[in-house]
Amino acid sequence: MTATLPGSEYAALSREVRDAGLLRRRYGYYALKITINLLAFAGAWVGFAFLGDTWWQLFIAAALAIVFAQLAFIGHDAGHRQIFRTRRPNDAVGTMHGGLVGMSYQWWIHGHTRHHANPNHEEHDPDLNNVALAFTSTQARLRTGLRRWMAKHQAALFFPLLTLEGLNLHVSGVRAVLRGETKARRVEGALLTAHLAGYLVTVFLVLSPGLAFVFIAVHQALWGVYMGCSFAPNHKGMPTMTGTSVDFLRRQVLTARNIRGGRFTDFLLGGLNYQIEHHLFPSMPRPHLRHAQPIVQRFCAAHGIPYSETSLLRSYRHVLEHLHDLGAPLRAADRARPPVPA
């Protein structure tokens, strides 16, 4: 095989993917996907109104958690310009879907774009800058007080903390709008206000106060867990980058992990299970990712680039083991510390 420079390797892979037609738009797919999601969203609220004040509403809360995640996946695709070729119509779709689930599309996609530019980079990836969890040994070592205690036990705290992710998305979006940190401040402000008012009025109008609070807690907690479980397996526990210069192809492949599975996994994770292909070609429409995988996998094997793929359950095990290992030095230090005299 003829030797190629690192920069030309990605160009060669890109040509192969483009020649396979995998970068063309899939308007019909997204039109059908968006329609189904919106019908499910409307149907869930119709069912909510029909059931009335009953504990059976918790099943509607669980269904809405799934629908909210599917709507958020469309917003993710729009943010990467997977739906349309130009920015404006993608932003319109993304902003609308952000409003439906009560989060700021512009705020989220700004941070997510920075993540794509420097995945798993200790200094530049915002996804590694987490208040509650330490994702690198340096972060764990510098934790003090309550955050140090959380870092020691973060593997056990991981899934409970995900129940707060939905609330975090709401609060962060509202904060960004109030601070003027979004490009469409007025539009997103109006959408977030309409969502919050409509959501709370509807829930408390139909349900008794106690059940309404339980409904909201279940819905938001399950949505947070779903979102966290969809994004966390993709990079957590993979190599982290520092100031070392690595070419684009290796930076994206080495820091990402794919999840094995069929079409149900594709649906469940919104295409994020093809994380390597998605990072290499962010604008590739979701249904083409599964077709790009064998091309990328074969290319990486030919060029000696490690390609990580595992099952969904195994990926969570990797994440938890990684978090547990990062907390180990802190636990060991506490055990070695002499007891305080009485």
C-alpha atoms as a PDB file:
ATOM      1  CA  MET A   1       0.000   0.000   0.000  1.00  0.00           C
ATOM      2  CA  THR A   2       1.291   3.475  -0.880  1.00  0.00           C
ATOM      3  CA  ALA A   3       2.082   5.601   2.161  1.00  0.00           C
ATOM      4  CA  THR A   4      -0.094   8.673   2.599  1.00  0.00           C
ATOM      5  CA  LEU A   5       0.249  11.738   4.761  1.00  0.00           C
ATOM      6  CA  PRO A   6      -2.193  12.079   7.698  1.00  0.00           C
ATOM      7  CA  GLY A   7      -3.918  15.083   6.115  1.00  0.00           C
ATOM      8  CA  SER A   8      -4.515  13.255   2.854  1.00  0.00           C
ATOM      9  CA  GLU A   9      -5.944  10.192   4.609  1.00  0.00           C
ATOM     10  CA  TYR A  10      -9.119  12.033   5.596  1.00  0.00           C
ATOM     11  CA  ALA A  11      -9.382  13.490   2.097  1.00  0.00           C
ATOM     12  CA  ALA A  12      -9.223   9.976   0.645  1.00  0.00           C
ATOM     13  CA  LEU A  13     -11.860   8.703   3.063  1.00  0.00           C
ATOM     14  CA  SER A  14     -14.066  11.707   2.357  1.00  0.00           C
ATOM     15  CA  ARG A  15     -13.898  11.081  -1.388  1.00  0.00           C
ATOM     16  CA  GLU A  16     -14.911   7.455  -0.906  1.00  0.00           C
ATOM     17  CA  VAL A  17     -17.866   8.430   1.272  1.00  0.00           C
ATOM     18  CA  ARG A  18     -18.947  11.168  -1.123  1.00  0.00           C
ATOM     19  CA  ASP A  19     -18.665   8.867  -4.138  1.00  0.00           C
ATOM     20  CA  ALA A  20     -20.971   6.420  -2.325  1.00  0.00           C
ATOM     21  CA  GLY A  21     -23.633   9.160  -2.202  1.00  0.00           C
ATOM     22  CA  LEU A  22     -23.733   9.215   1.573  1.00  0.00           C
ATOM     23  CA  LEU A  23     -23.605  13.011   1.909  1.00  0.00           C
ATOM     24  CA  ARG A  24     -26.727  13.680  -0.142  1.00  0.00           C
ATOM     25  CA  ARG A  25     -29.796  15.000   1.716  1.00  0.00           C
ATOM     26  CA  ARG A  26     -32.659  12.727   2.777  1.00  0.00           C
ATOM     27  CA  TYR A  27     -35.640  15.082   2.725  1.00  0.00           C
ATOM     28  CA  GLY A  28     -38.224  12.326   2.629  1.00  0.00           C
ATOM     29  CA  TYR A  29     -36.740  10.554   5.631  1.00  0.00           C
ATOM     30  CA  TYR A  30     -36.702  13.674   7.761  1.00  0.00           C
ATOM     31  CA  ALA A  31     -40.164  14.764   6.640  1.00  0.00           C
ATOM     32  CA  LEU A  32     -41.552  11.392   7.745  1.00  0.00           C
ATOM     33  CA  LYS A  33     -39.483  11.350  10.958  1.00  0.00           C
ATOM     34  CA  ILE A  34     -40.560  14.841  11.986  1.00  0.00           C
ATOM     35  CA  THR A  35     -44.205  14.114  11.179  1.00  0.00           C
ATOM     36  CA  ILE A  36     -44.217  10.922  13.249  1.00  0.00           C
ATOM     37  CA  ASN A  37     -42.538  12.693  16.170  1.00  0.00           C
ATOM     38  CA  LEU A  38     -45.013  15.575  16.105  1.00  0.00           C
ATOM     39  CA  LEU A  39     -47.957  13.167  15.911  1.00  0.00           C
ATOM     40  CA  ALA A  40     -46.548  11.239  18.878  1.00  0.00           C
ATOM     41  CA  PHE A  41     -46.074  14.498  20.791  1.00  0.00           C
ATOM     42  CA  ALA A  42     -49.645  15.592  20.096  1.00  0.00           C
ATOM     43  CA  GLY A  43     -51.013  12.097  20.758  1.00  0.00           C
ATOM     44  CA  ALA A  44     -49.321  11.919  24.155  1.00  0.00           C
ATOM     45  CA  TRP A  45     -50.937  15.181  25.254  1.00  0.00           C
ATOM     46  CA  VAL A  46     -54.322  14.093  23.891  1.00  0.00           C
ATOM     47  CA  GLY A  47     -53.969  10.906  25.933  1.00  0.00           C
ATOM     48  CA  PHE A  48     -53.001  13.031  28.921  1.00  0.00           C
ATOM     49  CA  ALA A  49     -56.192  15.086  28.626  1.00  0.00           C
ATOM     50  CA  PHE A  50     -58.300  11.971  28.083  1.00  0.00           C
ATOM     51  CA  LEU A  51     -56.990  10.091  31.162  1.00  0.00           C
ATOM     52  CA  GLY A  52     -57.583  12.929  33.601  1.00  0.00           C
ATOM     53  CA  ASP A  53     -56.540  12.890  37.257  1.00  0.00           C
ATOM     54  CA  THR A  54     -55.213   9.346  37.634  1.00  0.00           C
ATOM     55  CA  TRP A  55     -51.930   7.656  38.456  1.00  0.00           C
ATOM     56  CA  TRP A  56     -52.039   6.037  35.009  1.00  0.00           C
ATOM     57  CA  GLN A  57     -50.680   9.380  33.853  1.00  0.00           C
ATOM     58  CA  LEU A  58     -47.221   8.223  34.851  1.00  0.00           C
ATOM     59  CA  PHE A  59     -47.225   6.056  31.726  1.00  0.00           C
ATOM     60  CA  ILE A  60     -47.863   9.227  29.723  1.00  0.00           C
ATOM     61  CA  ALA A  61     -44.932  10.830  31.561  1.00  0.00           C
ATOM     62  CA  ALA A  62     -42.685   7.958  30.476  1.00  0.00           C
ATOM     63  CA  ALA A  63     -43.970   8.167  26.895  1.00  0.00           C
ATOM     64  CA  LEU A  64     -43.331  11.920  26.811  1.00  0.00           C
ATOM     65  CA  ALA A  65     -39.753  11.333  27.990  1.00  0.00           C
ATOM     66  CA  ILE A  66     -39.183   9.183  24.910  1.00  0.00           C
ATOM     67  CA  VAL A  67     -40.911  11.695  22.619  1.00  0.00           C
ATOM     68  CA  PHE A  68     -38.912  14.602  24.049  1.00  0.00           C
ATOM     69  CA  ALA A  69     -35.661  12.726  23.373  1.00  0.00           C
ATOM     70  CA  GLN A  70     -36.700  11.953  19.796  1.00  0.00           C
ATOM     71  CA  LEU A  71     -37.552  15.611  19.236  1.00  0.00           C
ATOM     72  CA  ALA A  72     -34.178  16.600  20.691  1.00  0.00           C
ATOM     73  CA  PHE A  73     -32.443  14.203  18.283  1.00  0.00           C
ATOM     74  CA  ILE A  74     -34.024  16.066  15.372  1.00  0.00           C
ATOM     75  CA  GLY A  75     -32.726  19.322  16.847  1.00  0.00           C
ATOM     76  CA  HIS A  76     -29.281  17.731  17.016  1.00  0.00           C
ATOM     77  CA  ASP A  77     -29.455  16.721  13.355  1.00  0.00           C
ATOM     78  CA  ALA A  78     -30.620  20.198  12.367  1.00  0.00           C
ATOM     79  CA  GLY A  79     -27.730  21.750  14.257  1.00  0.00           C
ATOM     80  CA  HIS A  80     -25.307  19.742  12.127  1.00  0.00           C
ATOM     81  CA  ARG A  81     -27.142  20.675   8.897  1.00  0.00           C
ATOM     82  CA  GLN A  82     -28.070  17.082   8.247  1.00  0.00           C
ATOM     83  CA  ILE A  83     -31.609  17.938   7.137  1.00  0.00           C
ATOM     84  CA  PHE A  84     -31.100  20.848   4.709  1.00  0.00           C
ATOM     85  CA  ARG A  85     -27.958  22.047   2.957  1.00  0.00           C
ATOM     86  CA  THR A  86     -28.113  25.620   4.231  1.00  0.00           C
ATOM     87  CA  ARG A  87     -28.075  26.962   7.779  1.00  0.00           C
ATOM     88  CA  ARG A  88     -31.325  28.962   7.922  1.00  0.00           C
ATOM     89  CA  PRO A  89     -33.902  26.170   7.399  1.00  0.00           C
ATOM     90  CA  ASN A  90     -31.930  23.855   9.695  1.00  0.00           C
ATOM     91  CA  ASP A  91     -31.902  26.526  12.403  1.00  0.00           C
ATOM     92  CA  ALA A  92     -35.642  27.021  11.976  1.00  0.00           C
ATOM     93  CA  VAL A  93     -36.298  23.315  12.504  1.00  0.00           C
ATOM     94  CA  GLY A  94     -33.849  23.125  15.402  1.00  0.00           C
ATOM     95  CA  THR A  95     -35.267  26.197  17.144  1.00  0.00           C
ATOM     96  CA  MET A  96     -38.818  24.874  16.824  1.00  0.00           C
ATOM     97  CA  HIS A  97     -37.869  21.499  18.267  1.00  0.00           C
ATOM     98  CA  GLY A  98     -35.927  23.174  21.065  1.00  0.00           C
ATOM     99  CA  GLY A  99     -39.044  25.125  21.942  1.00  0.00           C
ATOM    100  CA  LEU A 100     -41.161  21.973  22.029  1.00  0.00           C
ATOM    101  CA  VAL A 101     -38.948  20.366  24.656  1.00  0.00           C
ATOM    102  CA  GLY A 102     -38.128  23.580  26.520  1.00  0.00           C
ATOM    103  CA  MET A 103     -34.438  24.032  25.762  1.00  0.00           C
ATOM    104  CA  SER A 104     -32.398  26.612  23.889  1.00  0.00           C
ATOM    105  CA  TYR A 105     -31.316  25.176  20.560  1.00  0.00           C
ATOM    106  CA  GLN A 106     -28.825  27.994  19.927  1.00  0.00           C
ATOM    107  CA  TRP A 107     -27.192  27.602  23.347  1.00  0.00           C
ATOM    108  CA  TRP A 108     -26.915  23.834  23.014  1.00  0.00           C
ATOM    109  CA  ILE A 109     -25.592  23.732  19.474  1.00  0.00           C
ATOM    110  CA  HIS A 110     -22.927  26.353  20.285  1.00  0.00           C
ATOM    111  CA  GLY A 111     -21.451  24.117  22.993  1.00  0.00           C
ATOM    112  CA  HIS A 112     -21.932  20.979  20.922  1.00  0.00           C
ATOM    113  CA  THR A 113     -20.048  22.473  17.977  1.00  0.00           C
ATOM    114  CA  ARG A 114     -17.113  23.229  20.289  1.00  0.00           C
ATOM    115  CA  HIS A 115     -17.227  19.609  21.448  1.00  0.00           C
ATOM    116  CA  HIS A 116     -17.019  18.378  17.853  1.00  0.00           C
ATOM    117  CA  ALA A 117     -14.006  20.574  17.163  1.00  0.00           C
ATOM    118  CA  ASN A 118     -12.089  19.183  20.156  1.00  0.00           C
ATOM    119  CA  PRO A 119     -13.691  15.962  21.408  1.00  0.00           C
ATOM    120  CA  ASN A 120     -12.413  14.789  24.790  1.00  0.00           C
ATOM    121  CA  HIS A 121      -9.918  17.634  24.983  1.00  0.00           C
ATOM    122  CA  GLU A 122      -9.259  18.548  28.611  1.00  0.00           C
ATOM    123  CA  GLU A 123      -9.159  22.275  27.921  1.00  0.00           C
ATOM    124  CA  HIS A 124     -11.425  22.824  24.933  1.00  0.00           C
ATOM    125  CA  ASP A 125     -14.265  20.281  25.113  1.00  0.00           C
ATOM    126  CA  PRO A 126     -17.171  21.761  27.135  1.00  0.00           C
ATOM    127  CA  ASP A 127     -18.591  18.261  27.647  1.00  0.00           C
ATOM    128  CA  LEU A 128     -15.654  17.522  29.962  1.00  0.00           C
ATOM    129  CA  ASN A 129     -16.359  20.607  32.051  1.00  0.00           C
ATOM    130  CA  ASN A 130     -18.901  19.149  34.448  1.00  0.00           C
ATOM    131  CA  VAL A 131     -19.716  20.529  37.883  1.00  0.00           C
ATOM    132  CA  ALA A 132     -20.718  17.191  39.411  1.00  0.00           C
ATOM    133  CA  LEU A 133     -18.440  14.635  37.717  1.00  0.00           C
ATOM    134  CA  ALA A 134     -14.700  14.431  37.086  1.00  0.00           C
ATOM    135  CA  PHE A 135     -13.845  13.000  33.675  1.00  0.00           C
ATOM    136  CA  THR A 136     -10.036  13.249  33.884  1.00  0.00           C
ATOM    137  CA  SER A 137      -7.466  12.491  36.577  1.00  0.00           C
ATOM    138  CA  THR A 138      -6.525  16.171  36.746  1.00  0.00           C
ATOM    139  CA  GLN A 139     -10.116  17.179  37.385  1.00  0.00           C
ATOM    140  CA  ALA A 140     -10.488  14.549  40.103  1.00  0.00           C
ATOM    141  CA  ARG A 141      -7.252  15.564  41.817  1.00  0.00           C
ATOM    142  CA  LEU A 142      -8.279  19.230  42.011  1.00  0.00           C
ATOM    143  CA  ARG A 143     -11.721  18.597  43.518  1.00  0.00           C
ATOM    144  CA  THR A 144     -12.334  19.813  47.059  1.00  0.00           C
ATOM    145  CA  GLY A 145     -15.157  19.711  49.571  1.00  0.00           C
ATOM    146  CA  LEU A 146     -18.465  18.278  48.367  1.00  0.00           C
ATOM    147  CA  ARG A 147     -17.209  17.949  44.804  1.00  0.00           C
ATOM    148  CA  ARG A 148     -14.305  15.817  46.047  1.00  0.00           C
ATOM    149  CA  TRP A 149     -16.740  13.518  47.860  1.00  0.00           C
ATOM    150  CA  MET A 150     -18.831  13.279  44.684  1.00  0.00           C
ATOM    151  CA  ALA A 151     -15.737  12.472  42.617  1.00  0.00           C
ATOM    152  CA  LYS A 152     -14.878   9.617  44.990  1.00  0.00           C
ATOM    153  CA  HIS A 153     -18.317   8.068  44.541  1.00  0.00           C
ATOM    154  CA  GLN A 154     -19.158   9.297  41.049  1.00  0.00           C
ATOM    155  CA  ALA A 155     -19.649   5.854  39.538  1.00  0.00           C
ATOM    156  CA  ALA A 156     -22.489   5.189  42.004  1.00  0.00           C
ATOM    157  CA  LEU A 157     -23.847   8.703  41.510  1.00  0.00           C
ATOM    158  CA  PHE A 158     -23.755   8.638  37.696  1.00  0.00           C
ATOM    159  CA  PHE A 159     -27.269   7.407  36.914  1.00  0.00           C
ATOM    160  CA  PRO A 160     -28.956   9.281  39.805  1.00  0.00           C
ATOM    161  CA  LEU A 161     -27.340  12.494  38.558  1.00  0.00           C
ATOM    162  CA  LEU A 162     -28.702  11.877  35.065  1.00  0.00           C
ATOM    163  CA  THR A 163     -32.216  12.346  36.448  1.00  0.00           C
ATOM    164  CA  LEU A 164     -31.309  16.049  36.775  1.00  0.00           C
ATOM    165  CA  GLU A 165     -30.094  16.417  33.181  1.00  0.00           C
ATOM    166  CA  GLY A 166     -33.518  17.444  31.882  1.00  0.00           C
ATOM    167  CA  LEU A 167     -33.743  20.192  34.481  1.00  0.00           C
ATOM    168  CA  ASN A 168     -30.199  21.262  33.607  1.00  0.00           C
ATOM    169  CA  LEU A 169     -31.137  21.622  29.932  1.00  0.00           C
ATOM    170  CA  HIS A 170     -34.129  23.801  30.843  1.00  0.00           C
ATOM    171  CA  VAL A 171     -32.236  26.007  33.294  1.00  0.00           C
ATOM    172  CA  SER A 172     -29.169  26.414  31.085  1.00  0.00           C
ATOM    173  CA  GLY A 173     -31.329  27.425  28.136  1.00  0.00           C
ATOM    174  CA  VAL A 174     -33.252  30.003  30.150  1.00  0.00           C
ATOM    175  CA  ARG A 175     -30.003  31.366  31.596  1.00  0.00           C
ATOM    176  CA  ALA A 176     -28.486  31.704  28.115  1.00  0.00           C
ATOM    177  CA  VAL A 177     -31.531  33.596  26.841  1.00  0.00           C
ATOM    178  CA  LEU A 178     -31.614  35.928  29.843  1.00  0.00           C
ATOM    179  CA  ARG A 179     -27.903  36.675  29.409  1.00  0.00           C
ATOM    180  CA  GLY A 180     -28.267  37.273  25.691  1.00  0.00           C
ATOM    181  CA  GLU A 181     -25.959  34.390  24.807  1.00  0.00           C
ATOM    182  CA  THR A 182     -28.100  33.108  21.920  1.00  0.00           C
ATOM    183  CA  LYS A 183     -28.400  34.441  18.386  1.00  0.00           C
ATOM    184  CA  ALA A 184     -32.208  34.245  18.409  1.00  0.00           C
ATOM    185  CA  ARG A 185     -32.819  35.610  21.892  1.00  0.00           C
ATOM    186  CA  ARG A 186     -36.341  36.970  21.337  1.00  0.00           C
ATOM    187  CA  VAL A 187     -37.598  33.944  19.444  1.00  0.00           C
ATOM    188  CA  GLU A 188     -36.130  31.458  21.885  1.00  0.00           C
ATOM    189  CA  GLY A 189     -37.263  33.520  24.841  1.00  0.00           C
ATOM    190  CA  ALA A 190     -40.826  33.460  23.523  1.00  0.00           C
ATOM    191  CA  LEU A 191     -40.668  29.716  22.822  1.00  0.00           C
ATOM    192  CA  LEU A 192     -39.238  28.864  26.241  1.00  0.00           C
ATOM    193  CA  THR A 193     -41.845  31.035  27.972  1.00  0.00           C
ATOM    194  CA  ALA A 194     -44.641  29.430  25.958  1.00  0.00           C
ATOM    195  CA  HIS A 195     -43.317  25.964  26.735  1.00  0.00           C
ATOM    196  CA  LEU A 196     -43.001  26.575  30.470  1.00  0.00           C
ATOM    197  CA  ALA A 197     -46.390  28.251  30.767  1.00  0.00           C
ATOM    198  CA  GLY A 198     -48.184  25.712  28.579  1.00  0.00           C
ATOM    199  CA  TYR A 199     -46.554  22.742  30.286  1.00  0.00           C
ATOM    200  CA  LEU A 200     -47.272  23.852  33.857  1.00  0.00           C
ATOM    201  CA  VAL A 201     -50.789  25.119  33.165  1.00  0.00           C
ATOM    202  CA  THR A 202     -51.739  21.902  31.364  1.00  0.00           C
ATOM    203  CA  VAL A 203     -50.320  19.607  34.041  1.00  0.00           C
ATOM    204  CA  PHE A 204     -51.770  21.462  37.038  1.00  0.00           C
ATOM    205  CA  LEU A 205     -55.107  22.041  35.297  1.00  0.00           C
ATOM    206  CA  VAL A 206     -55.673  18.320  34.708  1.00  0.00           C
ATOM    207  CA  LEU A 207     -53.939  16.760  37.724  1.00  0.00           C
ATOM    208  CA  SER A 208     -54.234  17.305  41.447  1.00  0.00           C
ATOM    209  CA  PRO A 209     -51.231  19.206  42.880  1.00  0.00           C
ATOM    210  CA  GLY A 210     -49.529  16.148  44.403  1.00  0.00           C
ATOM    211  CA  LEU A 211     -49.893  14.043  41.274  1.00  0.00           C
ATOM    212  CA  ALA A 212     -48.838  16.975  39.102  1.00  0.00           C
ATOM    213  CA  PHE A 213     -45.524  17.253  40.950  1.00  0.00           C
ATOM    214  CA  VAL A 214     -44.958  13.497  40.653  1.00  0.00           C
ATOM    215  CA  PHE A 215     -45.815  13.593  36.933  1.00  0.00           C
ATOM    216  CA  ILE A 216     -43.315  16.400  36.311  1.00  0.00           C
ATOM    217  CA  ALA A 217     -40.619  14.663  38.374  1.00  0.00           C
ATOM    218  CA  VAL A 218     -41.051  11.347  36.548  1.00  0.00           C
ATOM    219  CA  HIS A 219     -41.206  12.935  33.105  1.00  0.00           C
ATOM    220  CA  GLN A 220     -38.178  15.195  33.582  1.00  0.00           C
ATOM    221  CA  ALA A 221     -36.120  12.512  35.353  1.00  0.00           C
ATOM    222  CA  LEU A 222     -36.732   9.899  32.658  1.00  0.00           C
ATOM    223  CA  TRP A 223     -36.034  12.391  29.888  1.00  0.00           C
ATOM    224  CA  GLY A 224     -32.765  13.347  31.590  1.00  0.00           C
ATOM    225  CA  VAL A 225     -31.728   9.714  31.972  1.00  0.00           C
ATOM    226  CA  TYR A 226     -32.611   8.999  28.336  1.00  0.00           C
ATOM    227  CA  MET A 227     -30.605  11.968  27.062  1.00  0.00           C
ATOM    228  CA  GLY A 228     -27.642  11.178  29.304  1.00  0.00           C
ATOM    229  CA  CYS A 229     -27.660   7.499  28.364  1.00  0.00           C
ATOM    230  CA  SER A 230     -27.707   8.451  24.678  1.00  0.00           C
ATOM    231  CA  PHE A 231     -24.709  10.791  24.788  1.00  0.00           C
ATOM    232  CA  ALA A 232     -22.526   9.425  27.618  1.00  0.00           C
ATOM    233  CA  PRO A 233     -21.395   6.136  25.968  1.00  0.00           C
ATOM    234  CA  ASN A 234     -19.971   7.978  22.965  1.00  0.00           C
ATOM    235  CA  HIS A 235     -16.809   9.457  24.529  1.00  0.00           C
ATOM    236  CA  LYS A 236     -16.645   8.821  28.267  1.00  0.00           C
ATOM    237  CA  GLY A 237     -13.854   6.388  29.074  1.00  0.00           C
ATOM    238  CA  MET A 238     -12.149   7.002  25.724  1.00  0.00           C
ATOM    239  CA  PRO A 239      -8.696   8.640  25.448  1.00  0.00           C
ATOM    240  CA  THR A 240      -8.569  12.330  26.336  1.00  0.00           C
ATOM    241  CA  MET A 241      -6.528  14.898  24.446  1.00  0.00           C
ATOM    242  CA  THR A 242      -4.336  17.639  25.873  1.00  0.00           C
ATOM    243  CA  GLY A 243      -2.162  20.088  23.954  1.00  0.00           C
ATOM    244  CA  THR A 244      -0.812  17.388  21.652  1.00  0.00           C
ATOM    245  CA  SER A 245      -1.481  18.041  17.988  1.00  0.00           C
ATOM    246  CA  VAL A 246      -3.328  15.179  16.287  1.00  0.00           C
ATOM    247  CA  ASP A 247      -4.749  15.222  12.769  1.00  0.00           C
ATOM    248  CA  PHE A 248      -8.528  15.540  12.335  1.00  0.00           C
ATOM    249  CA  LEU A 249      -9.111  11.909  11.362  1.00  0.00           C
ATOM    250  CA  ARG A 250      -7.384  10.446  14.415  1.00  0.00           C
ATOM    251  CA  ARG A 251      -8.732  13.102  16.770  1.00  0.00           C
ATOM    252  CA  GLN A 252     -12.282  12.096  15.887  1.00  0.00           C
ATOM    253  CA  VAL A 253     -11.801   8.314  15.700  1.00  0.00           C
ATOM    254  CA  LEU A 254      -9.600   7.772  18.752  1.00  0.00           C
ATOM    255  CA  THR A 255     -11.873   9.693  21.126  1.00  0.00           C
ATOM    256  CA  ALA A 256     -15.189   8.155  20.019  1.00  0.00           C
ATOM    257  CA  ARG A 257     -16.927   4.846  20.587  1.00  0.00           C
ATOM    258  CA  ASN A 258     -19.595   3.191  18.438  1.00  0.00           C
ATOM    259  CA  ILE A 259     -22.456   1.103  19.814  1.00  0.00           C
ATOM    260  CA  ARG A 260     -23.355  -2.147  18.097  1.00  0.00           C
ATOM    261  CA  GLY A 261     -26.978  -2.944  17.339  1.00  0.00           C
ATOM    262  CA  GLY A 262     -29.625  -3.004  14.650  1.00  0.00           C
ATOM    263  CA  ARG A 263     -32.297  -0.574  13.591  1.00  0.00           C
ATOM    264  CA  PHE A 264     -33.848  -0.498  17.066  1.00  0.00           C
ATOM    265  CA  THR A 265     -30.548   0.789  18.478  1.00  0.00           C
ATOM    266  CA  ASP A 266     -30.451   3.347  15.648  1.00  0.00           C
ATOM    267  CA  PHE A 267     -33.896   4.548  16.733  1.00  0.00           C
ATOM    268  CA  LEU A 268     -33.170   4.368  20.450  1.00  0.00           C
ATOM    269  CA  LEU A 269     -29.983   6.446  20.232  1.00  0.00           C
ATOM    270  CA  GLY A 270     -31.001   8.704  17.370  1.00  0.00           C
ATOM    271  CA  GLY A 271     -28.036   7.649  15.236  1.00  0.00           C
ATOM    272  CA  LEU A 272     -25.564   8.594  17.959  1.00  0.00           C
ATOM    273  CA  ASN A 273     -24.518   4.943  18.083  1.00  0.00           C
ATOM    274  CA  TYR A 274     -22.482   5.701  14.934  1.00  0.00           C
ATOM    275  CA  GLN A 275     -20.446   8.263  16.835  1.00  0.00           C
ATOM    276  CA  ILE A 276     -17.236   7.795  14.867  1.00  0.00           C
ATOM    277  CA  GLU A 277     -18.906   8.281  11.494  1.00  0.00           C
ATOM    278  CA  HIS A 278     -20.923  11.199  12.873  1.00  0.00           C
ATOM    279  CA  HIS A 279     -17.796  12.960  14.125  1.00  0.00           C
ATOM    280  CA  LEU A 280     -15.967  12.405  10.868  1.00  0.00           C
ATOM    281  CA  PHE A 281     -18.921  13.625   8.790  1.00  0.00           C
ATOM    282  CA  PRO A 282     -21.178  15.743  11.048  1.00  0.00           C
ATOM    283  CA  SER A 283     -23.458  16.850   8.204  1.00  0.00           C
ATOM    284  CA  MET A 284     -24.122  13.306   7.019  1.00  0.00           C
ATOM    285  CA  PRO A 285     -27.876  12.539   7.286  1.00  0.00           C
ATOM    286  CA  ARG A 286     -28.686  10.113  10.063  1.00  0.00           C
ATOM    287  CA  PRO A 287     -29.917   7.197   7.867  1.00  0.00           C
ATOM    288  CA  HIS A 288     -26.621   7.181   5.942  1.00  0.00           C
ATOM    289  CA  LEU A 289     -24.430   6.650   8.994  1.00  0.00           C
ATOM    290  CA  ARG A 290     -25.035   2.905   9.086  1.00  0.00           C
ATOM    291  CA  HIS A 291     -23.932   2.657   5.444  1.00  0.00           C
ATOM    292  CA  ALA A 292     -20.811   4.734   6.097  1.00  0.00           C
ATOM    293  CA  GLN A 293     -19.701   2.545   8.995  1.00  0.00           C
ATOM    294  CA  PRO A 294     -18.205  -0.364   6.976  1.00  0.00           C
ATOM    295  CA  ILE A 295     -16.351   2.124   4.765  1.00  0.00           C
ATOM    296  CA  VAL A 296     -14.849   3.926   7.760  1.00  0.00           C
ATOM    297  CA  GLN A 297     -14.143   0.712   9.647  1.00  0.00           C
ATOM    298  CA  ARG A 298     -12.337  -0.796   6.668  1.00  0.00           C
ATOM    299  CA  PHE A 299     -10.379   2.423   6.091  1.00  0.00           C
ATOM    300  CA  CYS A 300      -9.250   2.599   9.714  1.00  0.00           C
ATOM    301  CA  ALA A 301      -8.126  -1.028   9.658  1.00  0.00           C
ATOM    302  CA  ALA A 302      -6.103  -0.408   6.490  1.00  0.00           C
ATOM    303  CA  HIS A 303      -4.353   2.600   8.070  1.00  0.00           C
ATOM    304  CA  GLY A 304      -3.772   1.084  11.515  1.00  0.00           C
ATOM    305  CA  ILE A 305      -6.184   3.420  13.323  1.00  0.00           C
ATOM    306  CA  PRO A 306      -7.940   1.817  16.353  1.00  0.00           C
ATOM    307  CA  TYR A 307     -11.710   1.721  15.862  1.00  0.00           C
ATOM    308  CA  SER A 308     -13.771   1.251  19.026  1.00  0.00           C
ATOM    309  CA  GLU A 309     -17.144  -0.500  18.974  1.00  0.00           C
ATOM    310  CA  THR A 310     -19.022  -2.303  21.729  1.00  0.00           C
ATOM    311  CA  SER A 311     -22.497  -3.233  22.918  1.00  0.00           C
ATOM    312  CA  LEU A 312     -24.777  -0.729  24.641  1.00  0.00           C
ATOM    313  CA  LEU A 313     -24.566  -2.390  28.053  1.00  0.00           C
ATOM    314  CA  ARG A 314     -20.813  -2.830  27.748  1.00  0.00           C
ATOM    315  CA  SER A 315     -20.462   0.862  26.933  1.00  0.00           C
ATOM    316  CA  TYR A 316     -22.126   1.805  30.211  1.00  0.00           C
ATOM    317  CA  ARG A 317     -19.778  -0.576  31.999  1.00  0.00           C
ATOM    318  CA  HIS A 318     -16.817   1.228  30.403  1.00  0.00           C
ATOM    319  CA  VAL A 319     -18.217   4.583  31.543  1.00  0.00           C
ATOM    320  CA  LEU A 320     -18.793   3.417  35.116  1.00  0.00           C
ATOM    321  CA  GLU A 321     -15.380   1.720  35.322  1.00  0.00           C
ATOM    322  CA  HIS A 322     -13.741   4.902  34.071  1.00  0.00           C
ATOM    323  CA  LEU A 323     -15.535   7.055  36.653  1.00  0.00           C
ATOM    324  CA  HIS A 324     -14.761   4.528  39.397  1.00  0.00           C
ATOM    325  CA  ASP A 325     -11.050   4.418  38.485  1.00  0.00           C
ATOM    326  CA  LEU A 326     -10.789   8.221  38.524  1.00  0.00           C
ATOM    327  CA  GLY A 327     -12.172   8.277  42.046  1.00  0.00           C
ATOM    328  CA  ALA A 328      -9.845   5.515  43.286  1.00  0.00           C
ATOM    329  CA  PRO A 329      -6.858   7.765  44.172  1.00  0.00           C
ATOM    330  CA  LEU A 330      -9.142  10.013  46.208  1.00  0.00           C
ATOM    331  CA  ARG A 331     -10.576   7.068  48.109  1.00  0.00           C
ATOM    332  CA  ALA A 332      -7.087   5.674  48.702  1.00  0.00           C
ATOM    333  CA  ALA A 333      -5.853   9.049  49.959  1.00  0.00           C
ATOM    334  CA  ASP A 334      -8.685   9.243  52.452  1.00  0.00           C
ATOM    335  CA  ARG A 335      -7.968   5.738  53.728  1.00  0.00           C
ATOM    336  CA  ALA A 336      -4.272   6.592  54.144  1.00  0.00           C
ATOM    337  CA  ARG A 337      -4.952   9.812  56.012  1.00  0.00           C
ATOM    338  CA  PRO A 338      -4.288   9.473  59.778  1.00  0.00           C
ATOM    339  CA  PRO A 339      -7.379   9.785  61.955  1.00  0.00           C
ATOM    340  CA  VAL A 340      -8.028  13.131  63.602  1.00  0.00           C
ATOM    341  CA  PRO A 341      -7.292  12.949  67.402  1.00  0.00           C
ATOM    342  CA  ALA A 342     -10.359  13.115  69.594  1.00  0.00           C
END
